[in-house]
């Protein structure tokens, strides 16, 4: 029996079938894309505007504008004051969620964690193999007597 994966849209609460982990339905996603195009056009038509002017003038939700900024959609567009704090240290950045220093530290910590987990796995495998070997040895010695 096939399990049907359904979810409620995070925005409009309508039930839909996600195709690759989406949190919003196709209709809300289409509305987002349309609003993104309107925001991009507003930036093109008003060079040198600030983020607040963009939000007010375009009518776009602030969350959408900040997401677009984080994704780097306005790089080299002349949008002013498009910086926001790094989610970890608070340093002002203009793209992504973390500054390059914090991102480097996160990657380093992830690599250390992966190595530690790999080491634990190998140790557990060795213990398991040693136990298996000793069981076979015990069986062999009991058969030979």
Protein backbone atom coordinates (compact mmCIF):
# COMPACT_ATOMS: atom_id res chain seq x y z
CA UNK A 1 0.00 0.00 0.00
CA UNK A 2 1.40 3.38 -1.01
CA UNK A 3 1.41 6.11 1.59
CA UNK A 4 0.19 9.44 0.21
CA UNK A 5 2.24 12.35 1.50
CA UNK A 6 -0.02 15.34 2.11
CA UNK A 7 0.45 18.49 4.13
CA UNK A 8 -1.25 21.76 4.92
CA UNK A 9 0.14 24.87 3.28
CA UNK A 10 2.06 26.91 5.85
CA UNK A 11 0.46 30.05 4.46
CA UNK A 12 -3.15 29.37 3.44
CA UNK A 13 -3.61 26.06 5.33
CA UNK A 14 -5.00 24.36 2.21
CA UNK A 15 -4.14 20.65 1.84
CA UNK A 16 -1.71 19.81 -0.98
CA UNK A 17 0.69 17.07 -2.07
CA UNK A 18 4.30 18.28 -1.90
CA UNK A 19 6.58 17.01 -4.65
CA UNK A 20 9.92 17.74 -2.99
CA UNK A 21 9.40 18.93 0.58
CA UNK A 22 7.66 22.22 -0.13
CA UNK A 23 5.99 23.91 2.82
CA UNK A 24 3.62 26.03 0.76
CA UNK A 25 1.11 25.00 -1.89
CA UNK A 26 1.64 25.65 -5.62
CA UNK A 27 -0.83 28.56 -5.59
CA UNK A 28 0.98 30.34 -2.74
CA UNK A 29 4.35 29.62 -4.39
CA UNK A 30 3.08 31.14 -7.65
CA UNK A 31 1.90 34.22 -5.72
CA UNK A 32 5.37 34.46 -4.11
CA UNK A 33 7.08 34.27 -7.50
CA UNK A 34 4.78 36.96 -8.88
CA UNK A 35 5.52 39.20 -5.88
CA UNK A 36 9.28 38.54 -6.26
CA UNK A 37 9.10 39.72 -9.88
CA UNK A 38 7.22 42.83 -8.79
CA UNK A 39 9.88 43.53 -6.12
CA UNK A 40 12.72 43.05 -8.63
CA UNK A 41 11.01 45.42 -11.08
CA UNK A 42 10.56 47.99 -8.31
CA UNK A 43 14.28 47.85 -7.50
CA UNK A 44 15.15 48.24 -11.20
CA UNK A 45 12.80 51.22 -11.55
CA UNK A 46 14.04 52.92 -8.34
CA UNK A 47 17.84 52.65 -8.22
CA UNK A 48 19.47 53.49 -4.90
CA UNK A 49 16.40 52.90 -2.74
CA UNK A 50 16.67 51.54 0.79
CA UNK A 51 15.18 48.30 2.03
CA UNK A 52 12.46 50.16 3.93
CA UNK A 53 11.55 52.17 0.82
CA UNK A 54 11.41 48.93 -1.15
CA UNK A 55 9.09 47.28 1.36
CA UNK A 56 6.81 50.33 1.54
CA UNK A 57 6.81 51.07 -2.20
CA UNK A 58 6.42 47.54 -3.51
CA UNK A 59 3.87 46.42 -0.96
CA UNK A 60 5.81 43.20 -0.47
CA UNK A 61 5.86 41.50 2.93
CA UNK A 62 9.11 42.32 4.77
CA UNK A 63 9.80 38.60 5.28
CA UNK A 64 9.78 38.05 1.50
CA UNK A 65 12.12 40.99 0.85
CA UNK A 66 14.59 39.84 3.52
CA UNK A 67 14.52 36.29 2.15
CA UNK A 68 15.30 37.64 -1.32
CA UNK A 69 18.18 39.67 0.13
CA UNK A 70 19.53 36.59 1.94
CA UNK A 71 19.39 34.66 -1.32
CA UNK A 72 21.49 37.35 -2.98
CA UNK A 73 18.82 38.42 -5.47
CA UNK A 74 19.74 42.11 -5.21
CA UNK A 75 23.52 41.93 -5.41
CA UNK A 76 24.85 44.72 -7.63
CA UNK A 77 21.39 46.29 -7.83
CA UNK A 78 22.23 49.41 -5.86
CA UNK A 79 19.81 48.54 -3.05
CA UNK A 80 20.97 50.46 0.04
CA UNK A 81 20.94 49.31 3.67
CA UNK A 82 20.46 45.70 2.64
CA UNK A 83 22.51 44.34 5.51
CA UNK A 84 21.24 42.29 8.42
CA UNK A 85 22.86 40.51 11.37
CA UNK A 86 24.57 37.13 11.11
CA UNK A 87 22.35 34.57 12.86
CA UNK A 88 25.27 33.54 15.07
CA UNK A 89 27.49 36.53 15.93
CA UNK A 90 25.43 39.55 14.86
CA UNK A 91 27.98 40.90 12.36
CA UNK A 92 26.21 42.75 9.53
CA UNK A 93 26.09 40.73 6.32
CA UNK A 94 24.41 41.12 2.93
CA UNK A 95 23.92 37.48 1.93
CA UNK A 96 23.10 34.07 3.43
CA UNK A 97 22.32 33.49 7.10
CA UNK A 98 25.83 33.34 8.58
CA UNK A 99 28.92 35.48 8.01
CA UNK A 100 31.90 33.75 6.39
CA UNK A 101 33.73 33.37 9.72
CA UNK A 102 30.78 31.68 11.45
CA UNK A 103 30.09 29.54 8.39
CA UNK A 104 33.72 28.39 8.46
CA UNK A 105 33.43 27.51 12.16
CA UNK A 106 30.18 25.64 11.55
CA UNK A 107 31.77 23.60 8.75
CA UNK A 108 34.80 22.89 10.94
CA UNK A 109 32.59 21.71 13.81
CA UNK A 110 30.54 19.55 11.45
CA UNK A 111 33.72 17.90 10.16
CA UNK A 112 34.96 17.26 13.72
CA UNK A 113 31.58 15.75 14.62
CA UNK A 114 31.61 13.52 11.53
CA UNK A 115 35.13 12.29 12.37
CA UNK A 116 34.12 11.56 15.98
CA UNK A 117 31.04 9.63 14.83
CA UNK A 118 33.13 7.67 12.32
CA UNK A 119 35.65 6.81 15.05
CA UNK A 120 32.84 5.62 17.37
CA UNK A 121 31.40 3.50 14.57
CA UNK A 122 34.77 1.88 13.86
CA UNK A 123 35.34 1.19 17.57
CA UNK A 124 31.90 -0.42 17.84
CA UNK A 125 32.61 -2.55 14.76
CA UNK A 126 35.93 -3.72 16.25
CA UNK A 127 34.24 -4.64 19.55
CA UNK A 128 31.55 -6.51 17.66
CA UNK A 129 34.14 -8.37 15.59
CA UNK A 130 36.19 -9.24 18.71
CA UNK A 131 33.06 -10.58 20.41
CA UNK A 132 32.17 -12.65 17.33
CA UNK A 133 35.71 -14.03 17.10
CA UNK A 134 35.70 -15.03 20.78
CA UNK A 135 32.33 -16.76 20.34
CA UNK A 136 33.67 -18.76 17.38
CA UNK A 137 36.80 -19.65 19.37
CA UNK A 138 34.67 -20.81 22.30
CA UNK A 139 32.50 -22.93 19.99
CA UNK A 140 35.55 -24.45 18.30
CA UNK A 141 37.19 -25.34 21.61
CA UNK A 142 34.00 -26.94 22.96
CA UNK A 143 33.67 -29.07 19.81
CA UNK A 144 37.24 -30.30 19.96
CA UNK A 145 36.79 -31.70 23.49
